[in-house]
Amino acid sequence: SARYNEVLDSFARPYYSRLPTYSSTDPACTPSSFLMTTWQ
């Protein structure tokens, strides 16, 4: 869902945005899918 992806992207972006060749305007650097376990 949009909200699910938004929450996970807000968490992951500070990390993946520091990787080499990242650009916020490059479509290749925009996640296409998220999936997180919820065992807890």
PDB file of all heavy atoms in Angstrom:
ATOM      1  N   SER A   1       0.856  -1.191   0.000  1.00  0.00           N
ATOM      2  CA  SER A   1       0.000   0.000   0.000  1.00  0.00           C
ATOM      3  C   SER A   1       0.889   1.237   0.000  1.00  0.00           C
ATOM      4  O   SER A   1       2.082   1.184   0.342  1.00  0.00           O
ATOM      5  CB  SER A   1      -0.915   0.016   1.224  1.00  0.00           C
ATOM      6  OG  SER A   1      -0.149   0.165   2.416  1.00  0.00           O
ATOM      7  N   ALA A   2       0.311   2.368  -0.386  1.00  0.00           N
ATOM      8  CA  ALA A   2       1.079   3.608  -0.452  1.00  0.00           C
ATOM      9  C   ALA A   2       1.672   3.966   0.908  1.00  0.00           C
ATOM     10  O   ALA A   2       2.842   4.374   1.000  1.00  0.00           O
ATOM     11  CB  ALA A   2       0.192   4.743  -0.966  1.00  0.00           C
ATOM     12  N   ARG A   3       0.885   3.820   1.955  1.00  0.00           N
ATOM     13  CA  ARG A   3       1.371   4.177   3.294  1.00  0.00           C
ATOM     14  C   ARG A   3       2.470   3.223   3.752  1.00  0.00           C
ATOM     15  O   ARG A   3       3.472   3.647   4.342  1.00  0.00           O
ATOM     16  CB  ARG A   3       0.206   4.158   4.291  1.00  0.00           C
ATOM     17  CG  ARG A   3       0.595   4.527   5.722  1.00  0.00           C
ATOM     18  CD  ARG A   3       1.256   5.880   5.791  1.00  0.00           C
ATOM     19  NE  ARG A   3       1.665   6.225   7.162  1.00  0.00           N
ATOM     20  CZ  ARG A   3       2.567   7.154   7.448  1.00  0.00           C
ATOM     21  NH1 ARG A   3       3.158   7.846   6.485  1.00  0.00           N
ATOM     22  NH2 ARG A   3       2.873   7.404   8.702  1.00  0.00           N
ATOM     23  N   TYR A   4       2.315   1.948   3.485  1.00  0.00           N
ATOM     24  CA  TYR A   4       3.328   0.932   3.825  1.00  0.00           C
ATOM     25  C   TYR A   4       4.658   1.292   3.164  1.00  0.00           C
ATOM     26  O   TYR A   4       5.706   1.338   3.816  1.00  0.00           O
ATOM     27  CB  TYR A   4       2.824  -0.421   3.345  1.00  0.00           C
ATOM     28  CG  TYR A   4       3.742  -1.615   3.573  1.00  0.00           C
ATOM     29  CD1 TYR A   4       3.665  -2.355   4.752  1.00  0.00           C
ATOM     30  CD2 TYR A   4       4.624  -2.031   2.590  1.00  0.00           C
ATOM     31  CE1 TYR A   4       4.466  -3.468   4.950  1.00  0.00           C
ATOM     32  CE2 TYR A   4       5.426  -3.153   2.772  1.00  0.00           C
ATOM     33  CZ  TYR A   4       5.345  -3.866   3.956  1.00  0.00           C
ATOM     34  OH  TYR A   4       6.136  -4.980   4.141  1.00  0.00           O
ATOM     35  N   ASN A   5       4.627   1.554   1.882  1.00  0.00           N
ATOM     36  CA  ASN A   5       5.852   1.895   1.154  1.00  0.00           C
ATOM     37  C   ASN A   5       6.450   3.209   1.644  1.00  0.00           C
ATOM     38  O   ASN A   5       7.672   3.355   1.737  1.00  0.00           O
ATOM     39  CB  ASN A   5       5.569   1.973  -0.343  1.00  0.00           C
ATOM     40  CG  ASN A   5       5.216   0.613  -0.934  1.00  0.00           C
ATOM     41  OD1 ASN A   5       5.506  -0.424  -0.353  1.00  0.00           O
ATOM     42  ND2 ASN A   5       4.573   0.624  -2.093  1.00  0.00           N
ATOM     43  N   GLU A   6       5.585   4.151   1.966  1.00  0.00           N
ATOM     44  CA  GLU A   6       6.060   5.452   2.443  1.00  0.00           C
ATOM     45  C   GLU A   6       6.812   5.307   3.770  1.00  0.00           C
ATOM     46  O   GLU A   6       7.886   5.899   3.952  1.00  0.00           O
ATOM     47  CB  GLU A   6       4.873   6.399   2.613  1.00  0.00           C
ATOM     48  CG  GLU A   6       5.250   7.779   3.137  1.00  0.00           C
ATOM     49  CD  GLU A   6       4.027   8.647   3.423  1.00  0.00           C
ATOM     50  OE1 GLU A   6       2.898   8.194   3.115  1.00  0.00           O
ATOM     51  OE2 GLU A   6       4.206   9.753   3.953  1.00  0.00           O
ATOM     52  N   VAL A   7       6.242   4.537   4.692  1.00  0.00           N
ATOM     53  CA  VAL A   7       6.878   4.340   6.006  1.00  0.00           C
ATOM     54  C   VAL A   7       8.233   3.659   5.849  1.00  0.00           C
ATOM     55  O   VAL A   7       9.232   4.080   6.453  1.00  0.00           O
ATOM     56  CB  VAL A   7       5.956   3.512   6.927  1.00  0.00           C
ATOM     57  CG1 VAL A   7       6.701   3.077   8.178  1.00  0.00           C
ATOM     58  CG2 VAL A   7       4.726   4.331   7.310  1.00  0.00           C
ATOM     59  N   LEU A   8       8.276   2.615   5.047  1.00  0.00           N
ATOM     60  CA  LEU A   8       9.530   1.878   4.895  1.00  0.00           C
ATOM     61  C   LEU A   8      10.573   2.686   4.125  1.00  0.00           C
ATOM     62  O   LEU A   8      11.773   2.608   4.417  1.00  0.00           O
ATOM     63  CB  LEU A   8       9.262   0.536   4.223  1.00  0.00           C
ATOM     64  CG  LEU A   8       8.462  -0.451   5.074  1.00  0.00           C
ATOM     65  CD1 LEU A   8       8.187  -1.740   4.304  1.00  0.00           C
ATOM     66  CD2 LEU A   8       9.189  -0.766   6.381  1.00  0.00           C
ATOM     67  N   ASP A   9      10.123   3.469   3.167  1.00  0.00           N
ATOM     68  CA  ASP A   9      11.081   4.289   2.427  1.00  0.00           C
ATOM     69  C   ASP A   9      11.661   5.387   3.315  1.00  0.00           C
ATOM     70  O   ASP A   9      12.863   5.693   3.233  1.00  0.00           O
ATOM     71  CB  ASP A   9      10.423   4.903   1.198  1.00  0.00           C
ATOM     72  CG  ASP A   9      11.429   5.608   0.308  1.00  0.00           C
ATOM     73  OD1 ASP A   9      12.458   4.983  -0.029  1.00  0.00           O
ATOM     74  OD2 ASP A   9      11.211   6.781  -0.041  1.00  0.00           O
ATOM     75  N   SER A  10      10.846   5.968   4.172  1.00  0.00           N
ATOM     76  CA  SER A  10      11.349   7.019   5.062  1.00  0.00           C
ATOM     77  C   SER A  10      12.403   6.470   6.014  1.00  0.00           C
ATOM     78  O   SER A  10      13.322   7.187   6.421  1.00  0.00           O
ATOM     79  CB  SER A  10      10.198   7.651   5.852  1.00  0.00           C
ATOM     80  OG  SER A  10       9.618   6.705   6.741  1.00  0.00           O
ATOM     81  N   PHE A  11      12.278   5.176   6.345  1.00  0.00           N
ATOM     82  CA  PHE A  11      13.289   4.549   7.194  1.00  0.00           C
ATOM     83  C   PHE A  11      14.558   4.229   6.412  1.00  0.00           C
ATOM     84  O   PHE A  11      15.674   4.504   6.860  1.00  0.00           O
ATOM     85  CB  PHE A  11      12.736   3.255   7.807  1.00  0.00           C
ATOM     86  CG  PHE A  11      13.802   2.394   8.426  1.00  0.00           C
ATOM     87  CD1 PHE A  11      14.368   2.728   9.640  1.00  0.00           C
ATOM     88  CD2 PHE A  11      14.273   1.257   7.768  1.00  0.00           C
ATOM     89  CE1 PHE A  11      15.373   1.953  10.204  1.00  0.00           C
ATOM     90  CE2 PHE A  11      15.276   0.477   8.321  1.00  0.00           C
ATOM     91  CZ  PHE A  11      15.824   0.829   9.546  1.00  0.00           C
ATOM     92  N   ALA A  12      14.417   3.659   5.229  1.00  0.00           N
ATOM     93  CA  ALA A  12      15.573   3.155   4.484  1.00  0.00           C
ATOM     94  C   ALA A  12      16.338   4.226   3.720  1.00  0.00           C
ATOM     95  O   ALA A  12      17.546   4.102   3.504  1.00  0.00           O
ATOM     96  CB  ALA A  12      15.127   2.058   3.516  1.00  0.00           C
ATOM     97  N   ARG A  13      15.653   5.299   3.319  1.00  0.00           N
ATOM     98  CA  ARG A  13      16.296   6.286   2.453  1.00  0.00           C
ATOM     99  C   ARG A  13      17.556   6.917   3.040  1.00  0.00           C
ATOM    100  O   ARG A  13      18.544   7.121   2.307  1.00  0.00           O
ATOM    101  CB  ARG A  13      15.309   7.382   2.058  1.00  0.00           C
ATOM    102  CG  ARG A  13      15.842   8.289   0.941  1.00  0.00           C
ATOM    103  CD  ARG A  13      14.942   9.477   0.641  1.00  0.00           C
ATOM    104  NE  ARG A  13      13.555   9.080   0.500  1.00  0.00           N
ATOM    105  CZ  ARG A  13      12.584   9.451   1.342  1.00  0.00           C
ATOM    106  NH1 ARG A  13      12.872  10.216   2.377  1.00  0.00           N
ATOM    107  NH2 ARG A  13      11.348   9.047   1.145  1.00  0.00           N
ATOM    108  N   PRO A  14      17.600   7.265   4.337  1.00  0.00           N
ATOM    109  CA  PRO A  14      18.830   7.860   4.861  1.00  0.00           C
ATOM    110  C   PRO A  14      20.060   6.968   4.681  1.00  0.00           C
ATOM    111  O   PRO A  14      21.190   7.473   4.664  1.00  0.00           O
ATOM    112  CB  PRO A  14      18.517   8.058   6.349  1.00  0.00           C
ATOM    113  CG  PRO A  14      17.032   8.170   6.404  1.00  0.00           C
ATOM    114  CD  PRO A  14      16.532   7.225   5.357  1.00  0.00           C
ATOM    115  N   TYR A  15      19.833   5.672   4.527  1.00  0.00           N
ATOM    116  CA  TYR A  15      20.942   4.737   4.341  1.00  0.00           C
ATOM    117  C   TYR A  15      21.247   4.528   2.854  1.00  0.00           C
ATOM    118  O   TYR A  15      22.376   4.752   2.411  1.00  0.00           O
ATOM    119  CB  TYR A  15      20.627   3.406   5.014  1.00  0.00           C
ATOM    120  CG  TYR A  15      20.294   3.537   6.489  1.00  0.00           C
ATOM    121  CD1 TYR A  15      18.978   3.442   6.940  1.00  0.00           C
ATOM    122  CD2 TYR A  15      21.300   3.772   7.431  1.00  0.00           C
ATOM    123  CE1 TYR A  15      18.669   3.572   8.282  1.00  0.00           C
ATOM    124  CE2 TYR A  15      20.992   3.901   8.789  1.00  0.00           C
ATOM    125  CZ  TYR A  15      19.673   3.807   9.202  1.00  0.00           C
ATOM    126  OH  TYR A  15      19.365   3.943  10.535  1.00  0.00           O
ATOM    127  N   TYR A  16      20.249   4.107   2.085  1.00  0.00           N
ATOM    128  CA  TYR A  16      20.551   3.790   0.681  1.00  0.00           C
ATOM    129  C   TYR A  16      20.950   5.029  -0.112  1.00  0.00           C
ATOM    130  O   TYR A  16      21.640   4.928  -1.136  1.00  0.00           O
ATOM    131  CB  TYR A  16      19.410   3.014   0.015  1.00  0.00           C
ATOM    132  CG  TYR A  16      18.137   3.756  -0.290  1.00  0.00           C
ATOM    133  CD1 TYR A  16      18.087   4.751  -1.281  1.00  0.00           C
ATOM    134  CD2 TYR A  16      16.938   3.426   0.347  1.00  0.00           C
ATOM    135  CE1 TYR A  16      16.904   5.400  -1.591  1.00  0.00           C
ATOM    136  CE2 TYR A  16      15.756   4.069   0.037  1.00  0.00           C
ATOM    137  CZ  TYR A  16      15.738   5.068  -0.925  1.00  0.00           C
ATOM    138  OH  TYR A  16      14.565   5.710  -1.237  1.00  0.00           O
ATOM    139  N   SER A  17      20.529   6.219   0.348  1.00  0.00           N
ATOM    140  CA  SER A  17      20.879   7.441  -0.383  1.00  0.00           C
ATOM    141  C   SER A  17      22.351   7.806  -0.248  1.00  0.00           C
ATOM    142  O   SER A  17      22.841   8.696  -0.965  1.00  0.00           O
ATOM    143  CB  SER A  17      20.018   8.616   0.109  1.00  0.00           C
ATOM    144  OG  SER A  17      20.281   8.887   1.477  1.00  0.00           O
ATOM    145  N   ARG A  18      23.070   7.117   0.630  1.00  0.00           N
ATOM    146  CA  ARG A  18      24.492   7.357   0.776  1.00  0.00           C
ATOM    147  C   ARG A  18      25.353   6.401  -0.067  1.00  0.00           C
ATOM    148  O   ARG A  18      26.578   6.516  -0.084  1.00  0.00           O
ATOM    149  CB  ARG A  18      24.881   7.246   2.261  1.00  0.00           C
ATOM    150  CG  ARG A  18      24.463   8.476   3.041  1.00  0.00           C
ATOM    151  CD  ARG A  18      24.610   8.319   4.546  1.00  0.00           C
ATOM    152  NE  ARG A  18      24.569   9.633   5.181  1.00  0.00           N
ATOM    153  CZ  ARG A  18      23.468  10.375   5.358  1.00  0.00           C
ATOM    154  NH1 ARG A  18      22.307   9.911   4.921  1.00  0.00           N
ATOM    155  NH2 ARG A  18      23.526  11.558   5.939  1.00  0.00           N
ATOM    156  N   LEU A  19      24.707   5.505  -0.762  1.00  0.00           N
ATOM    157  CA  LEU A  19      25.451   4.543  -1.569  1.00  0.00           C
ATOM    158  C   LEU A  19      25.930   5.187  -2.868  1.00  0.00           C
ATOM    159  O   LEU A  19      25.382   6.203  -3.327  1.00  0.00           O
ATOM    160  CB  LEU A  19      24.571   3.331  -1.859  1.00  0.00           C
ATOM    161  CG  LEU A  19      24.091   2.545  -0.632  1.00  0.00           C
ATOM    162  CD1 LEU A  19      23.245   1.345  -1.062  1.00  0.00           C
ATOM    163  CD2 LEU A  19      25.267   2.094   0.240  1.00  0.00           C
ATOM    164  N   PRO A  20      26.957   4.610  -3.492  1.00  0.00           N
ATOM    165  CA  PRO A  20      27.547   5.195  -4.702  1.00  0.00           C
ATOM    166  C   PRO A  20      26.532   5.380  -5.827  1.00  0.00           C
ATOM    167  O   PRO A  20      25.634   4.563  -6.014  1.00  0.00           O
ATOM    168  CB  PRO A  20      28.613   4.168  -5.100  1.00  0.00           C
ATOM    169  CG  PRO A  20      28.953   3.468  -3.835  1.00  0.00           C
ATOM    170  CD  PRO A  20      27.681   3.405  -3.047  1.00  0.00           C
ATOM    171  N   THR A  21      26.683   6.442  -6.557  1.00  0.00           N
ATOM    172  CA  THR A  21      25.935   6.864  -7.745  1.00  0.00           C
ATOM    173  C   THR A  21      24.461   7.174  -7.466  1.00  0.00           C
ATOM    174  O   THR A  21      23.672   7.333  -8.397  1.00  0.00           O
ATOM    175  CB  THR A  21      26.032   5.855  -8.919  1.00  0.00           C
ATOM    176  OG1 THR A  21      25.138   4.775  -8.716  1.00  0.00           O
ATOM    177  CG2 THR A  21      27.467   5.367  -9.131  1.00  0.00           C
ATOM    178  N   TYR A  22      24.094   7.274  -6.183  1.00  0.00           N
ATOM    179  CA  TYR A  22      22.700   7.616  -5.878  1.00  0.00           C
ATOM    180  C   TYR A  22      22.384   9.028  -6.340  1.00  0.00           C
ATOM    181  O   TYR A  22      23.170   9.959  -6.188  1.00  0.00           O
ATOM    182  CB  TYR A  22      22.424   7.516  -4.373  1.00  0.00           C
ATOM    183  CG  TYR A  22      21.048   8.029  -4.011  1.00  0.00           C
ATOM    184  CD1 TYR A  22      19.923   7.226  -4.172  1.00  0.00           C
ATOM    185  CD2 TYR A  22      20.865   9.344  -3.560  1.00  0.00           C
ATOM    186  CE1 TYR A  22      18.651   7.706  -3.872  1.00  0.00           C
ATOM    187  CE2 TYR A  22      19.604   9.827  -3.262  1.00  0.00           C
ATOM    188  CZ  TYR A  22      18.498   9.006  -3.426  1.00  0.00           C
ATOM    189  OH  TYR A  22      17.245   9.492  -3.139  1.00  0.00           O
ATOM    190  N   SER A  23      21.186   9.186  -6.906  1.00  0.00           N
ATOM    191  CA  SER A  23      20.667  10.501  -7.268  1.00  0.00           C
ATOM    192  C   SER A  23      19.164  10.487  -7.065  1.00  0.00           C
ATOM    193  O   SER A  23      18.473   9.573  -7.540  1.00  0.00           O
ATOM    194  CB  SER A  23      20.987  10.830  -8.729  1.00  0.00           C
ATOM    195  OG  SER A  23      20.292  12.000  -9.130  1.00  0.00           O
ATOM    196  N   SER A  24      18.666  11.467  -6.366  1.00  0.00           N
ATOM    197  CA  SER A  24      17.228  11.524  -6.087  1.00  0.00           C
ATOM    198  C   SER A  24      16.405  11.718  -7.346  1.00  0.00           C
ATOM    199  O   SER A  24      15.184  11.475  -7.346  1.00  0.00           O
ATOM    200  CB  SER A  24      16.935  12.655  -5.100  1.00  0.00           C
ATOM    201  OG  SER A  24      17.335  13.908  -5.647  1.00  0.00           O
ATOM    202  N   THR A  25      17.043  12.158  -8.426  1.00  0.00           N
ATOM    203  CA  THR A  25      16.315  12.375  -9.687  1.00  0.00           C
ATOM    204  C   THR A  25      16.464  11.207 -10.662  1.00  0.00           C
ATOM    205  O   THR A  25      15.879  11.231 -11.751  1.00  0.00           O
ATOM    206  CB  THR A  25      16.826  13.657 -10.368  1.00  0.00           C
ATOM    207  OG1 THR A  25      18.226  13.525 -10.645  1.00  0.00           O
ATOM    208  CG2 THR A  25      16.588  14.872  -9.477  1.00  0.00           C
ATOM    209  N   ASP A  26      17.220  10.193 -10.261  1.00  0.00           N
ATOM    210  CA  ASP A  26      17.453   9.036 -11.123  1.00  0.00           C
ATOM    211  C   ASP A  26      16.413   7.957 -10.807  1.00  0.00           C
ATOM    212  O   ASP A  26      16.377   7.440  -9.686  1.00  0.00           O
ATOM    213  CB  ASP A  26      18.865   8.500 -10.896  1.00  0.00           C
ATOM    214  CG  ASP A  26      19.221   7.350 -11.822  1.00  0.00           C
ATOM    215  OD1 ASP A  26      18.317   6.836 -12.518  1.00  0.00           O
ATOM    216  OD2 ASP A  26      20.397   6.940 -11.834  1.00  0.00           O
ATOM    217  N   PRO A  27      15.563   7.590 -11.751  1.00  0.00           N
ATOM    218  CA  PRO A  27      14.538   6.555 -11.498  1.00  0.00           C
ATOM    219  C   PRO A  27      15.128   5.236 -11.008  1.00  0.00           C
ATOM    220  O   PRO A  27      14.469   4.496 -10.266  1.00  0.00           O
ATOM    221  CB  PRO A  27      13.863   6.387 -12.864  1.00  0.00           C
ATOM    222  CG  PRO A  27      14.101   7.685 -13.565  1.00  0.00           C
ATOM    223  CD  PRO A  27      15.466   8.146 -13.114  1.00  0.00           C
ATOM    224  N   ALA A  28      16.376   4.924 -11.400  1.00  0.00           N
ATOM    225  CA  ALA A  28      17.000   3.676 -10.967  1.00  0.00           C
ATOM    226  C   ALA A  28      17.227   3.651  -9.466  1.00  0.00           C
ATOM    227  O   ALA A  28      17.391   2.578  -8.874  1.00  0.00           O
ATOM    228  CB  ALA A  28      18.332   3.466 -11.695  1.00  0.00           C
ATOM    229  N   CYS A  29      17.248   4.834  -8.842  1.00  0.00           N
ATOM    230  CA  CYS A  29      17.528   4.939  -7.408  1.00  0.00           C
ATOM    231  C   CYS A  29      16.266   5.052  -6.563  1.00  0.00           C
ATOM    232  O   CYS A  29      16.346   5.243  -5.342  1.00  0.00           O
ATOM    233  CB  CYS A  29      18.435   6.137  -7.146  1.00  0.00           C
ATOM    234  SG  CYS A  29      19.994   6.112  -8.047  1.00  0.00           S
ATOM    235  N   THR A  30      15.113   4.964  -7.220  1.00  0.00           N
ATOM    236  CA  THR A  30      13.842   5.028  -6.499  1.00  0.00           C
ATOM    237  C   THR A  30      13.307   3.616  -6.315  1.00  0.00           C
ATOM    238  O   THR A  30      13.072   2.903  -7.301  1.00  0.00           O
ATOM    239  CB  THR A  30      12.807   5.857  -7.277  1.00  0.00           C
ATOM    240  OG1 THR A  30      13.308   7.180  -7.448  1.00  0.00           O
ATOM    241  CG2 THR A  30      11.482   5.901  -6.528  1.00  0.00           C
ATOM    242  N   PRO A  31      13.125   3.172  -5.064  1.00  0.00           N
ATOM    243  CA  PRO A  31      12.666   1.793  -4.826  1.00  0.00           C
ATOM    244  C   PRO A  31      11.376   1.471  -5.559  1.00  0.00           C
ATOM    245  O   PRO A  31      10.473   2.311  -5.669  1.00  0.00           O
ATOM    246  CB  PRO A  31      12.468   1.749  -3.311  1.00  0.00           C
ATOM    247  CG  PRO A  31      13.380   2.802  -2.775  1.00  0.00           C
ATOM    248  CD  PRO A  31      13.357   3.904  -3.802  1.00  0.00           C
ATOM    249  N   SER A  32      11.314   0.259  -6.063  1.00  0.00           N
ATOM    250  CA  SER A  32      10.108  -0.207  -6.753  1.00  0.00           C
ATOM    251  C   SER A  32       9.251  -1.103  -5.872  1.00  0.00           C
ATOM    252  O   SER A  32       8.070  -1.321  -6.171  1.00  0.00           O
ATOM    253  CB  SER A  32      10.498  -0.965  -8.024  1.00  0.00           C
ATOM    254  OG  SER A  32      11.361  -2.050  -7.715  1.00  0.00           O
ATOM    255  N   SER A  33       9.841  -1.628  -4.783  1.00  0.00           N
ATOM    256  CA  SER A  33       9.070  -2.524  -3.909  1.00  0.00           C
ATOM    257  C   SER A  33       9.730  -2.615  -2.534  1.00  0.00           C
ATOM    258  O   SER A  33      10.961  -2.522  -2.414  1.00  0.00           O
ATOM    259  CB  SER A  33       8.974  -3.917  -4.536  1.00  0.00           C
ATOM    260  OG  SER A  33       8.094  -4.743  -3.820  1.00  0.00           O
ATOM    261  N   PHE A  34       8.876  -2.810  -1.522  1.00  0.00           N
ATOM    262  CA  PHE A  34       9.348  -2.994  -0.147  1.00  0.00           C
ATOM    263  C   PHE A  34       8.669  -4.223   0.453  1.00  0.00           C
ATOM    264  O   PHE A  34       7.512  -4.516   0.136  1.00  0.00           O
ATOM    265  CB  PHE A  34       8.985  -1.791   0.729  1.00  0.00           C
ATOM    266  CG  PHE A  34       9.624  -0.498   0.341  1.00  0.00           C
ATOM    267  CD1 PHE A  34       9.005   0.341  -0.588  1.00  0.00           C
ATOM    268  CD2 PHE A  34      10.826  -0.099   0.905  1.00  0.00           C
ATOM    269  CE1 PHE A  34       9.575   1.544  -0.943  1.00  0.00           C
ATOM    270  CE2 PHE A  34      11.405   1.110   0.559  1.00  0.00           C
ATOM    271  CZ  PHE A  34      10.786   1.934  -0.372  1.00  0.00           C
ATOM    272  N   LEU A  35       9.370  -4.900   1.329  1.00  0.00           N
ATOM    273  CA  LEU A  35       8.775  -6.021   2.063  1.00  0.00           C
ATOM    274  C   LEU A  35       9.505  -6.168   3.385  1.00  0.00           C
ATOM    275  O   LEU A  35      10.730  -6.279   3.414  1.00  0.00           O
ATOM    276  CB  LEU A  35       8.878  -7.319   1.269  1.00  0.00           C
ATOM    277  CG  LEU A  35       8.253  -8.563   1.922  1.00  0.00           C
ATOM    278  CD1 LEU A  35       6.744  -8.394   2.078  1.00  0.00           C
ATOM    279  CD2 LEU A  35       8.560  -9.817   1.093  1.00  0.00           C
ATOM    280  N   MET A  36       8.751  -6.157   4.483  1.00  0.00           N
ATOM    281  CA  MET A  36       9.362  -6.293   5.795  1.00  0.00           C
ATOM    282  C   MET A  36       8.688  -7.385   6.610  1.00  0.00           C
ATOM    283  O   MET A  36       7.456  -7.535   6.579  1.00  0.00           O
ATOM    284  CB  MET A  36       9.287  -4.975   6.573  1.00  0.00           C
ATOM    285  CG  MET A  36       9.972  -5.069   7.931  1.00  0.00           C
ATOM    286  SD  MET A  36      10.368  -3.492   8.666  1.00  0.00           S
ATOM    287  CE  MET A  36      11.165  -4.075  10.191  1.00  0.00           C
ATOM    288  N   THR A  37       9.487  -8.152   7.328  1.00  0.00           N
ATOM    289  CA  THR A  37       8.938  -9.161   8.229  1.00  0.00           C
ATOM    290  C   THR A  37       8.320  -8.468   9.439  1.00  0.00           C
ATOM    291  O   THR A  37       8.696  -7.348   9.799  1.00  0.00           O
ATOM    292  CB  THR A  37      10.033 -10.119   8.719  1.00  0.00           C
ATOM    293  OG1 THR A  37      11.000  -9.392   9.494  1.00  0.00           O
ATOM    294  CG2 THR A  37      10.728 -10.800   7.553  1.00  0.00           C
ATOM    295  N   THR A  38       7.378  -9.140  10.058  1.00  0.00           N
ATOM    296  CA  THR A  38       6.759  -8.624  11.293  1.00  0.00           C
ATOM    297  C   THR A  38       6.618  -9.765  12.292  1.00  0.00           C
ATOM    298  O   THR A  38       5.539 -10.008  12.832  1.00  0.00           O
ATOM    299  CB  THR A  38       5.379  -7.988  10.987  1.00  0.00           C
ATOM    300  OG1 THR A  38       4.565  -8.950  10.289  1.00  0.00           O
ATOM    301  CG2 THR A  38       5.511  -6.727  10.160  1.00  0.00           C
ATOM    302  N   TRP A  39       7.704 -10.477  12.517  1.00  0.00           N
ATOM    303  CA  TRP A  39       7.654 -11.623  13.427  1.00  0.00           C
ATOM    304  C   TRP A  39       7.251 -11.205  14.842  1.00  0.00           C
ATOM    305  O   TRP A  39       6.614 -11.976  15.574  1.00  0.00           O
ATOM    306  CB  TRP A  39       9.006 -12.329  13.461  1.00  0.00           C
ATOM    307  CG  TRP A  39       9.392 -12.961  12.159  1.00  0.00           C
ATOM    308  CD1 TRP A  39      10.464 -12.640  11.367  1.00  0.00           C
ATOM    309  CD2 TRP A  39       8.718 -14.036  11.480  1.00  0.00           C
ATOM    310  NE1 TRP A  39      10.500 -13.428  10.246  1.00  0.00           N
ATOM    311  CE2 TRP A  39       9.442 -14.300  10.290  1.00  0.00           C
ATOM    312  CE3 TRP A  39       7.580 -14.788  11.754  1.00  0.00           C
ATOM    313  CZ2 TRP A  39       9.062 -15.293   9.378  1.00  0.00           C
ATOM    314  CZ3 TRP A  39       7.201 -15.770  10.847  1.00  0.00           C
ATOM    315  CH2 TRP A  39       7.928 -16.018   9.687  1.00  0.00           C
ATOM    316  N   GLN A  40       7.594 -10.000  15.241  1.00  0.00           N
ATOM    317  CA  GLN A  40       7.256  -9.554  16.593  1.00  0.00           C
ATOM    318  C   GLN A  40       5.753  -9.335  16.771  1.00  0.00           C
ATOM    319  O   GLN A  40       5.273  -9.236  17.898  1.00  0.00           O
ATOM    320  CB  GLN A  40       8.012  -8.273  16.929  1.00  0.00           C
ATOM    321  CG  GLN A  40       9.506  -8.498  17.071  1.00  0.00           C
ATOM    322  CD  GLN A  40      10.262  -7.209  17.300  1.00  0.00           C
ATOM    323  OE1 GLN A  40      10.134  -6.601  18.359  1.00  0.00           O
ATOM    324  NE2 GLN A  40      11.049  -6.792  16.324  1.00  0.00           N
TER     325      GLN A  40
END
